[in-house]
Amino acid sequence: FVTADLDEGPIIEQSVERVDHSKSVEDLREIGRDIE
């Protein structure tokens, strides 16, 4: 949720994915977009 405190509102959902050294910057960006 959005509050006046930037990015500190009550958390609704969180997701993560493991990555390793083989991932390029663009790989990380694409993984991040999917998770978002």
ModelCIF file with pLDDT and N, C-alpha, C, O atoms, coordinates in Angstrom:
data_MODEL
#
_entry.id   MODEL 
#
_entity.id                         1 
_entity.type                       polymer 
_entity.pdbx_number_of_molecules   1 
#
_entity_poly.entity_id                      1 
_entity_poly.type                           'polypeptide(L)' 
_entity_poly.nstd_linkage                   no 
_entity_poly.nstd_monomer                   no 
_entity_poly.pdbx_seq_one_letter_code       FVTADLDEGPIIEQSVERVDHSKSVEDLREIGRDIE 
_entity_poly.pdbx_seq_one_letter_code_can   FVTADLDEGPIIEQSVERVDHSKSVEDLREIGRDIE 
_entity_poly.pdbx_strand_id                 A 
#
loop_
_entity_poly_seq.entity_id 
_entity_poly_seq.num 
_entity_poly_seq.mon_id 
_entity_poly_seq.hetero 
1 1  PHE n 
1 2  VAL n 
1 3  THR n 
1 4  ALA n 
1 5  ASP n 
1 6  LEU n 
1 7  ASP n 
1 8  GLU n 
1 9  GLY n 
1 10 PRO n 
1 11 ILE n 
1 12 ILE n 
1 13 GLU n 
1 14 GLN n 
1 15 SER n 
1 16 VAL n 
1 17 GLU n 
1 18 ARG n 
1 19 VAL n 
1 20 ASP n 
1 21 HIS n 
1 22 SER n 
1 23 LYS n 
1 24 SER n 
1 25 VAL n 
1 26 GLU n 
1 27 ASP n 
1 28 LEU n 
1 29 ARG n 
1 30 GLU n 
1 31 ILE n 
1 32 GLY n 
1 33 ARG n 
1 34 ASP n 
1 35 ILE n 
1 36 GLU n 
#
_struct_asym.id          A 
_struct_asym.entity_id   1 
#
loop_
_ma_qa_metric.id 
_ma_qa_metric.mode 
_ma_qa_metric.name 
_ma_qa_metric.software_group_id 
_ma_qa_metric.type 
1 global pLDDT . pLDDT 
2 local  pLDDT . pLDDT 
#
_ma_qa_metric_global.metric_id      1 
_ma_qa_metric_global.metric_value   92.78 
_ma_qa_metric_global.model_id       1 
_ma_qa_metric_global.ordinal_id     1 
#
loop_
_ma_qa_metric_local.label_asym_id 
_ma_qa_metric_local.label_comp_id 
_ma_qa_metric_local.label_seq_id 
_ma_qa_metric_local.metric_id 
_ma_qa_metric_local.metric_value 
_ma_qa_metric_local.model_id 
_ma_qa_metric_local.ordinal_id 
A PHE 1  2 97.00 1 1  
A VAL 2  2 96.00 1 2  
A THR 3  2 93.00 1 3  
A ALA 4  2 90.00 1 4  
A ASP 5  2 87.00 1 5  
A LEU 6  2 79.00 1 6  
A ASP 7  2 81.00 1 7  
A GLU 8  2 87.00 1 8  
A GLY 9  2 93.00 1 9  
A PRO 10 2 96.00 1 10 
A ILE 11 2 96.00 1 11 
A ILE 12 2 97.00 1 12 
A GLU 13 2 97.00 1 13 
A GLN 14 2 95.00 1 14 
A SER 15 2 95.00 1 15 
A VAL 16 2 94.00 1 16 
A GLU 17 2 93.00 1 17 
A ARG 18 2 94.00 1 18 
A VAL 19 2 93.00 1 19 
A ASP 20 2 93.00 1 20 
A HIS 21 2 92.00 1 21 
A SER 22 2 93.00 1 22 
A LYS 23 2 93.00 1 23 
A SER 24 2 93.00 1 24 
A VAL 25 2 92.00 1 25 
A GLU 26 2 92.00 1 26 
A ASP 27 2 93.00 1 27 
A LEU 28 2 91.00 1 28 
A ARG 29 2 91.00 1 29 
A GLU 30 2 94.00 1 30 
A ILE 31 2 94.00 1 31 
A GLY 32 2 93.00 1 32 
A ARG 33 2 95.00 1 33 
A ASP 34 2 96.00 1 34 
A ILE 35 2 96.00 1 35 
A GLU 36 2 96.00 1 36 
#
loop_
_atom_site.group_PDB 
_atom_site.id 
_atom_site.type_symbol 
_atom_site.label_atom_id 
_atom_site.label_alt_id 
_atom_site.label_comp_id 
_atom_site.label_asym_id 
_atom_site.label_entity_id 
_atom_site.label_seq_id 
_atom_site.pdbx_PDB_ins_code 
_atom_site.Cartn_x 
_atom_site.Cartn_y 
_atom_site.Cartn_z 
_atom_site.occupancy 
_atom_site.B_iso_or_equiv 
_atom_site.pdbx_formal_charge 
_atom_site.auth_seq_id 
_atom_site.auth_comp_id 
_atom_site.auth_asym_id 
_atom_site.auth_atom_id 
_atom_site.pdbx_PDB_model_num 
ATOM 1   N N  . PHE A 1 1  ? 0.847  -1.186  0.000   1.00 97.00 ? 1  PHE A N  1 
ATOM 2   C CA . PHE A 1 1  ? 0.000  0.000   0.000   1.00 97.00 ? 1  PHE A CA 1 
ATOM 3   C C  . PHE A 1 1  ? 0.885  1.240   0.000   1.00 97.00 ? 1  PHE A C  1 
ATOM 4   O O  . PHE A 1 1  ? 1.976  1.241   0.570   1.00 97.00 ? 1  PHE A O  1 
ATOM 5   N N  . VAL A 1 2  ? 0.403  2.282   -0.642  1.00 96.00 ? 2  VAL A N  1 
ATOM 6   C CA . VAL A 1 2  ? 1.157  3.526   -0.718  1.00 96.00 ? 2  VAL A CA 1 
ATOM 7   C C  . VAL A 1 2  ? 0.799  4.424   0.451   1.00 96.00 ? 2  VAL A C  1 
ATOM 8   O O  . VAL A 1 2  ? -0.376 4.632   0.754   1.00 96.00 ? 2  VAL A O  1 
ATOM 9   N N  . THR A 1 3  ? 1.823  4.952   1.103   1.00 93.00 ? 3  THR A N  1 
ATOM 10  C CA . THR A 1 3  ? 1.653  5.937   2.168   1.00 93.00 ? 3  THR A CA 1 
ATOM 11  C C  . THR A 1 3  ? 2.586  7.108   1.876   1.00 93.00 ? 3  THR A C  1 
ATOM 12  O O  . THR A 1 3  ? 3.338  7.088   0.901   1.00 93.00 ? 3  THR A O  1 
ATOM 13  N N  . ALA A 1 4  ? 2.530  8.112   2.721   1.00 90.00 ? 4  ALA A N  1 
ATOM 14  C CA . ALA A 1 4  ? 3.399  9.272   2.553   1.00 90.00 ? 4  ALA A CA 1 
ATOM 15  C C  . ALA A 1 4  ? 4.873  8.918   2.769   1.00 90.00 ? 4  ALA A C  1 
ATOM 16  O O  . ALA A 1 4  ? 5.754  9.649   2.315   1.00 90.00 ? 4  ALA A O  1 
ATOM 17  N N  . ASP A 1 5  ? 5.149  7.809   3.457   1.00 87.00 ? 5  ASP A N  1 
ATOM 18  C CA . ASP A 1 5  ? 6.519  7.324   3.624   1.00 87.00 ? 5  ASP A CA 1 
ATOM 19  C C  . ASP A 1 5  ? 6.890  6.488   2.407   1.00 87.00 ? 5  ASP A C  1 
ATOM 20  O O  . ASP A 1 5  ? 6.375  5.381   2.246   1.00 87.00 ? 5  ASP A O  1 
ATOM 21  N N  . LEU A 1 6  ? 7.757  6.983   1.560   1.00 79.00 ? 6  LEU A N  1 
ATOM 22  C CA . LEU A 1 6  ? 8.060  6.378   0.268   1.00 79.00 ? 6  LEU A CA 1 
ATOM 23  C C  . LEU A 1 6  ? 8.464  4.908   0.414   1.00 79.00 ? 6  LEU A C  1 
ATOM 24  O O  . LEU A 1 6  ? 9.403  4.571   1.135   1.00 79.00 ? 6  LEU A O  1 
ATOM 25  N N  . ASP A 1 7  ? 7.721  4.038   -0.296  1.00 81.00 ? 7  ASP A N  1 
ATOM 26  C CA . ASP A 1 7  ? 8.004  2.595   -0.365  1.00 81.00 ? 7  ASP A CA 1 
ATOM 27  C C  . ASP A 1 7  ? 8.013  1.921   1.001   1.00 81.00 ? 7  ASP A C  1 
ATOM 28  O O  . ASP A 1 7  ? 8.647  0.879   1.169   1.00 81.00 ? 7  ASP A O  1 
ATOM 29  N N  . GLU A 1 8  ? 7.325  2.495   1.971   1.00 87.00 ? 8  GLU A N  1 
ATOM 30  C CA . GLU A 1 8  ? 7.310  1.906   3.309   1.00 87.00 ? 8  GLU A CA 1 
ATOM 31  C C  . GLU A 1 8  ? 5.905  1.579   3.791   1.00 87.00 ? 8  GLU A C  1 
ATOM 32  O O  . GLU A 1 8  ? 5.699  1.341   4.981   1.00 87.00 ? 8  GLU A O  1 
ATOM 33  N N  . GLY A 1 9  ? 4.931  1.566   2.875   1.00 93.00 ? 9  GLY A N  1 
ATOM 34  C CA . GLY A 1 9  ? 3.566  1.231   3.254   1.00 93.00 ? 9  GLY A CA 1 
ATOM 35  C C  . GLY A 1 9  ? 3.417  -0.242  3.602   1.00 93.00 ? 9  GLY A C  1 
ATOM 36  O O  . GLY A 1 9  ? 4.323  -1.029  3.328   1.00 93.00 ? 9  GLY A O  1 
ATOM 37  N N  . PRO A 1 10 ? 2.296  -0.634  4.199   1.00 96.00 ? 10 PRO A N  1 
ATOM 38  C CA . PRO A 1 10 ? 2.071  -2.032  4.583   1.00 96.00 ? 10 PRO A CA 1 
ATOM 39  C C  . PRO A 1 10 ? 2.260  -2.983  3.403   1.00 96.00 ? 10 PRO A C  1 
ATOM 40  O O  . PRO A 1 10 ? 1.702  -2.776  2.326   1.00 96.00 ? 10 PRO A O  1 
ATOM 41  N N  . ILE A 1 11 ? 3.052  -4.023  3.622   1.00 96.00 ? 11 ILE A N  1 
ATOM 42  C CA . ILE A 1 11 ? 3.405  -4.972  2.562   1.00 96.00 ? 11 ILE A CA 1 
ATOM 43  C C  . ILE A 1 11 ? 2.265  -5.958  2.335   1.00 96.00 ? 11 ILE A C  1 
ATOM 44  O O  . ILE A 1 11 ? 1.706  -6.516  3.279   1.00 96.00 ? 11 ILE A O  1 
ATOM 45  N N  . ILE A 1 12 ? 1.933  -6.161  1.055   1.00 97.00 ? 12 ILE A N  1 
ATOM 46  C CA . ILE A 1 12 ? 0.868  -7.089  0.680   1.00 97.00 ? 12 ILE A CA 1 
ATOM 47  C C  . ILE A 1 12 ? 1.437  -8.420  0.196   1.00 97.00 ? 12 ILE A C  1 
ATOM 48  O O  . ILE A 1 12 ? 0.999  -9.487  0.628   1.00 97.00 ? 12 ILE A O  1 
ATOM 49  N N  . GLU A 1 13 ? 2.420  -8.348  -0.708  1.00 97.00 ? 13 GLU A N  1 
ATOM 50  C CA . GLU A 1 13 ? 2.966  -9.558  -1.321  1.00 97.00 ? 13 GLU A CA 1 
ATOM 51  C C  . GLU A 1 13 ? 4.432  -9.344  -1.679  1.00 97.00 ? 13 GLU A C  1 
ATOM 52  O O  . GLU A 1 13 ? 4.836  -8.245  -2.058  1.00 97.00 ? 13 GLU A O  1 
ATOM 53  N N  . GLN A 1 14 ? 5.222  -10.407 -1.555  1.00 95.00 ? 14 GLN A N  1 
ATOM 54  C CA . GLN A 1 14 ? 6.633  -10.376 -1.958  1.00 95.00 ? 14 GLN A CA 1 
ATOM 55  C C  . GLN A 1 14 ? 6.978  -11.683 -2.655  1.00 95.00 ? 14 GLN A C  1 
ATOM 56  O O  . GLN A 1 14 ? 6.493  -12.748 -2.274  1.00 95.00 ? 14 GLN A O  1 
ATOM 57  N N  . SER A 1 15 ? 7.825  -11.593 -3.685  1.00 95.00 ? 15 SER A N  1 
ATOM 58  C CA . SER A 1 15 ? 8.272  -12.781 -4.410  1.00 95.00 ? 15 SER A CA 1 
ATOM 59  C C  . SER A 1 15 ? 9.763  -12.659 -4.686  1.00 95.00 ? 15 SER A C  1 
ATOM 60  O O  . SER A 1 15 ? 10.283 -11.552 -4.825  1.00 95.00 ? 15 SER A O  1 
ATOM 61  N N  . VAL A 1 16 ? 10.457 -13.800 -4.766  1.00 94.00 ? 16 VAL A N  1 
ATOM 62  C CA . VAL A 1 16 ? 11.884 -13.803 -5.071  1.00 94.00 ? 16 VAL A CA 1 
ATOM 63  C C  . VAL A 1 16 ? 12.203 -14.948 -6.019  1.00 94.00 ? 16 VAL A C  1 
ATOM 64  O O  . VAL A 1 16 ? 11.452 -15.918 -6.120  1.00 94.00 ? 16 VAL A O  1 
ATOM 65  N N  . GLU A 1 17 ? 13.348 -14.817 -6.723  1.00 93.00 ? 17 GLU A N  1 
ATOM 66  C CA . GLU A 1 17 ? 13.872 -15.893 -7.572  1.00 93.00 ? 17 GLU A CA 1 
ATOM 67  C C  . GLU A 1 17 ? 15.385 -15.886 -7.460  1.00 93.00 ? 17 GLU A C  1 
ATOM 68  O O  . GLU A 1 17 ? 16.017 -14.830 -7.475  1.00 93.00 ? 17 GLU A O  1 
ATOM 69  N N  . ARG A 1 18 ? 15.963 -17.086 -7.345  1.00 94.00 ? 18 ARG A N  1 
ATOM 70  C CA . ARG A 1 18 ? 17.418 -17.198 -7.261  1.00 94.00 ? 18 ARG A CA 1 
ATOM 71  C C  . ARG A 1 18 ? 18.042 -16.972 -8.633  1.00 94.00 ? 18 ARG A C  1 
ATOM 72  O O  . ARG A 1 18 ? 17.509 -17.400 -9.657  1.00 94.00 ? 18 ARG A O  1 
ATOM 73  N N  . VAL A 1 19 ? 19.183 -16.291 -8.626  1.00 93.00 ? 19 VAL A N  1 
ATOM 74  C CA . VAL A 1 19 ? 19.975 -16.098 -9.843  1.00 93.00 ? 19 VAL A CA 1 
ATOM 75  C C  . VAL A 1 19 ? 21.436 -16.406 -9.511  1.00 93.00 ? 19 VAL A C  1 
ATOM 76  O O  . VAL A 1 19 ? 21.800 -16.549 -8.344  1.00 93.00 ? 19 VAL A O  1 
ATOM 77  N N  . ASP A 1 20 ? 22.267 -16.505 -10.553 1.00 93.00 ? 20 ASP A N  1 
ATOM 78  C CA . ASP A 1 20 ? 23.685 -16.763 -10.302 1.00 93.00 ? 20 ASP A CA 1 
ATOM 79  C C  . ASP A 1 20 ? 24.556 -15.901 -11.200 1.00 93.00 ? 20 ASP A C  1 
ATOM 80  O O  . ASP A 1 20 ? 24.063 -15.029 -11.916 1.00 93.00 ? 20 ASP A O  1 
ATOM 81  N N  . HIS A 1 21 ? 25.857 -16.156 -11.153 1.00 92.00 ? 21 HIS A N  1 
ATOM 82  C CA . HIS A 1 21 ? 26.842 -15.336 -11.847 1.00 92.00 ? 21 HIS A CA 1 
ATOM 83  C C  . HIS A 1 21 ? 26.697 -15.361 -13.366 1.00 92.00 ? 21 HIS A C  1 
ATOM 84  O O  . HIS A 1 21 ? 27.218 -14.480 -14.049 1.00 92.00 ? 21 HIS A O  1 
ATOM 85  N N  . SER A 1 22 ? 25.992 -16.362 -13.903 1.00 93.00 ? 22 SER A N  1 
ATOM 86  C CA . SER A 1 22 ? 25.886 -16.492 -15.352 1.00 93.00 ? 22 SER A CA 1 
ATOM 87  C C  . SER A 1 22 ? 24.895 -15.516 -15.971 1.00 93.00 ? 22 SER A C  1 
ATOM 88  O O  . SER A 1 22 ? 24.879 -15.338 -17.189 1.00 93.00 ? 22 SER A O  1 
ATOM 89  N N  . LYS A 1 23 ? 24.074 -14.888 -15.150 1.00 93.00 ? 23 LYS A N  1 
ATOM 90  C CA . LYS A 1 23 ? 23.030 -13.997 -15.665 1.00 93.00 ? 23 LYS A CA 1 
ATOM 91  C C  . LYS A 1 23 ? 23.624 -12.630 -16.011 1.00 93.00 ? 23 LYS A C  1 
ATOM 92  O O  . LYS A 1 23 ? 24.362 -12.037 -15.224 1.00 93.00 ? 23 LYS A O  1 
ATOM 93  N N  . SER A 1 24 ? 23.287 -12.153 -17.195 1.00 93.00 ? 24 SER A N  1 
ATOM 94  C CA . SER A 1 24 ? 23.699 -10.816 -17.605 1.00 93.00 ? 24 SER A CA 1 
ATOM 95  C C  . SER A 1 24 ? 22.808 -9.766  -16.968 1.00 93.00 ? 24 SER A C  1 
ATOM 96  O O  . SER A 1 24 ? 21.809 -10.091 -16.327 1.00 93.00 ? 24 SER A O  1 
ATOM 97  N N  . VAL A 1 25 ? 23.175 -8.507  -17.147 1.00 92.00 ? 25 VAL A N  1 
ATOM 98  C CA . VAL A 1 25 ? 22.341 -7.418  -16.634 1.00 92.00 ? 25 VAL A CA 1 
ATOM 99  C C  . VAL A 1 25 ? 20.945 -7.498  -17.240 1.00 92.00 ? 25 VAL A C  1 
ATOM 100 O O  . VAL A 1 25 ? 19.951 -7.322  -16.535 1.00 92.00 ? 25 VAL A O  1 
ATOM 101 N N  . GLU A 1 26 ? 20.865 -7.763  -18.545 1.00 92.00 ? 26 GLU A N  1 
ATOM 102 C CA . GLU A 1 26 ? 19.556 -7.842  -19.199 1.00 92.00 ? 26 GLU A CA 1 
ATOM 103 C C  . GLU A 1 26 ? 18.761 -9.057  -18.713 1.00 92.00 ? 26 GLU A C  1 
ATOM 104 O O  . GLU A 1 26 ? 17.539 -8.984  -18.583 1.00 92.00 ? 26 GLU A O  1 
ATOM 105 N N  . ASP A 1 27 ? 19.450 -10.181 -18.441 1.00 93.00 ? 27 ASP A N  1 
ATOM 106 C CA . ASP A 1 27 ? 18.778 -11.346 -17.861 1.00 93.00 ? 27 ASP A CA 1 
ATOM 107 C C  . ASP A 1 27 ? 18.139 -10.974 -16.523 1.00 93.00 ? 27 ASP A C  1 
ATOM 108 O O  . ASP A 1 27 ? 16.978 -11.295 -16.269 1.00 93.00 ? 27 ASP A O  1 
ATOM 109 N N  . LEU A 1 28 ? 18.906 -10.299 -15.676 1.00 91.00 ? 28 LEU A N  1 
ATOM 110 C CA . LEU A 1 28 ? 18.396 -9.899  -14.368 1.00 91.00 ? 28 LEU A CA 1 
ATOM 111 C C  . LEU A 1 28 ? 17.206 -8.959  -14.523 1.00 91.00 ? 28 LEU A C  1 
ATOM 112 O O  . LEU A 1 28 ? 16.224 -9.059  -13.788 1.00 91.00 ? 28 LEU A O  1 
ATOM 113 N N  . ARG A 1 29 ? 17.300 -8.059  -15.473 1.00 91.00 ? 29 ARG A N  1 
ATOM 114 C CA . ARG A 1 29 ? 16.223 -7.099  -15.690 1.00 91.00 ? 29 ARG A CA 1 
ATOM 115 C C  . ARG A 1 29 ? 14.936 -7.814  -16.129 1.00 91.00 ? 29 ARG A C  1 
ATOM 116 O O  . ARG A 1 29 ? 13.850 -7.482  -15.654 1.00 91.00 ? 29 ARG A O  1 
ATOM 117 N N  . GLU A 1 30 ? 15.057 -8.782  -17.022 1.00 94.00 ? 30 GLU A N  1 
ATOM 118 C CA . GLU A 1 30 ? 13.887 -9.518  -17.496 1.00 94.00 ? 30 GLU A CA 1 
ATOM 119 C C  . GLU A 1 30 ? 13.276 -10.356 -16.380 1.00 94.00 ? 30 GLU A C  1 
ATOM 120 O O  . GLU A 1 30 ? 12.054 -10.419 -16.247 1.00 94.00 ? 30 GLU A O  1 
ATOM 121 N N  . ILE A 1 31 ? 14.118 -10.998 -15.582 1.00 94.00 ? 31 ILE A N  1 
ATOM 122 C CA . ILE A 1 31 ? 13.609 -11.755 -14.437 1.00 94.00 ? 31 ILE A CA 1 
ATOM 123 C C  . ILE A 1 31 ? 12.878 -10.822 -13.482 1.00 94.00 ? 31 ILE A C  1 
ATOM 124 O O  . ILE A 1 31 ? 11.802 -11.149 -12.981 1.00 94.00 ? 31 ILE A O  1 
ATOM 125 N N  . GLY A 1 32 ? 13.471 -9.654  -13.233 1.00 93.00 ? 32 GLY A N  1 
ATOM 126 C CA . GLY A 1 32 ? 12.843 -8.682  -12.338 1.00 93.00 ? 32 GLY A CA 1 
ATOM 127 C C  . GLY A 1 32 ? 11.501 -8.213  -12.863 1.00 93.00 ? 32 GLY A C  1 
ATOM 128 O O  . GLY A 1 32 ? 10.553 -8.072  -12.090 1.00 93.00 ? 32 GLY A O  1 
ATOM 129 N N  . ARG A 1 33 ? 11.400 -7.966  -14.172 1.00 95.00 ? 33 ARG A N  1 
ATOM 130 C CA . ARG A 1 33 ? 10.133 -7.530  -14.744 1.00 95.00 ? 33 ARG A CA 1 
ATOM 131 C C  . ARG A 1 33 ? 9.047  -8.581  -14.565 1.00 95.00 ? 33 ARG A C  1 
ATOM 132 O O  . ARG A 1 33 ? 7.911  -8.260  -14.216 1.00 95.00 ? 33 ARG A O  1 
ATOM 133 N N  . ASP A 1 34 ? 9.408  -9.846  -14.807 1.00 96.00 ? 34 ASP A N  1 
ATOM 134 C CA . ASP A 1 34 ? 8.423  -10.921 -14.637 1.00 96.00 ? 34 ASP A CA 1 
ATOM 135 C C  . ASP A 1 34 ? 7.935  -10.999 -13.196 1.00 96.00 ? 34 ASP A C  1 
ATOM 136 O O  . ASP A 1 34 ? 6.739  -11.141 -12.940 1.00 96.00 ? 34 ASP A O  1 
ATOM 137 N N  . ILE A 1 35 ? 8.879  -10.905 -12.252 1.00 96.00 ? 35 ILE A N  1 
ATOM 138 C CA . ILE A 1 35 ? 8.497  -10.989 -10.836 1.00 96.00 ? 35 ILE A CA 1 
ATOM 139 C C  . ILE A 1 35 ? 7.626  -9.805  -10.444 1.00 96.00 ? 35 ILE A C  1 
ATOM 140 O O  . ILE A 1 35 ? 6.630  -9.973  -9.740  1.00 96.00 ? 35 ILE A O  1 
ATOM 141 N N  . GLU A 1 36 ? 7.995  -8.601  -10.897 1.00 96.00 ? 36 GLU A N  1 
ATOM 142 C CA . GLU A 1 36 ? 7.187  -7.421  -10.597 1.00 96.00 ? 36 GLU A CA 1 
ATOM 143 C C  . GLU A 1 36 ? 5.763  -7.585  -11.121 1.00 96.00 ? 36 GLU A C  1 
ATOM 144 O O  . GLU A 1 36 ? 4.938  -6.686  -10.958 1.00 96.00 ? 36 GLU A O  1 
#
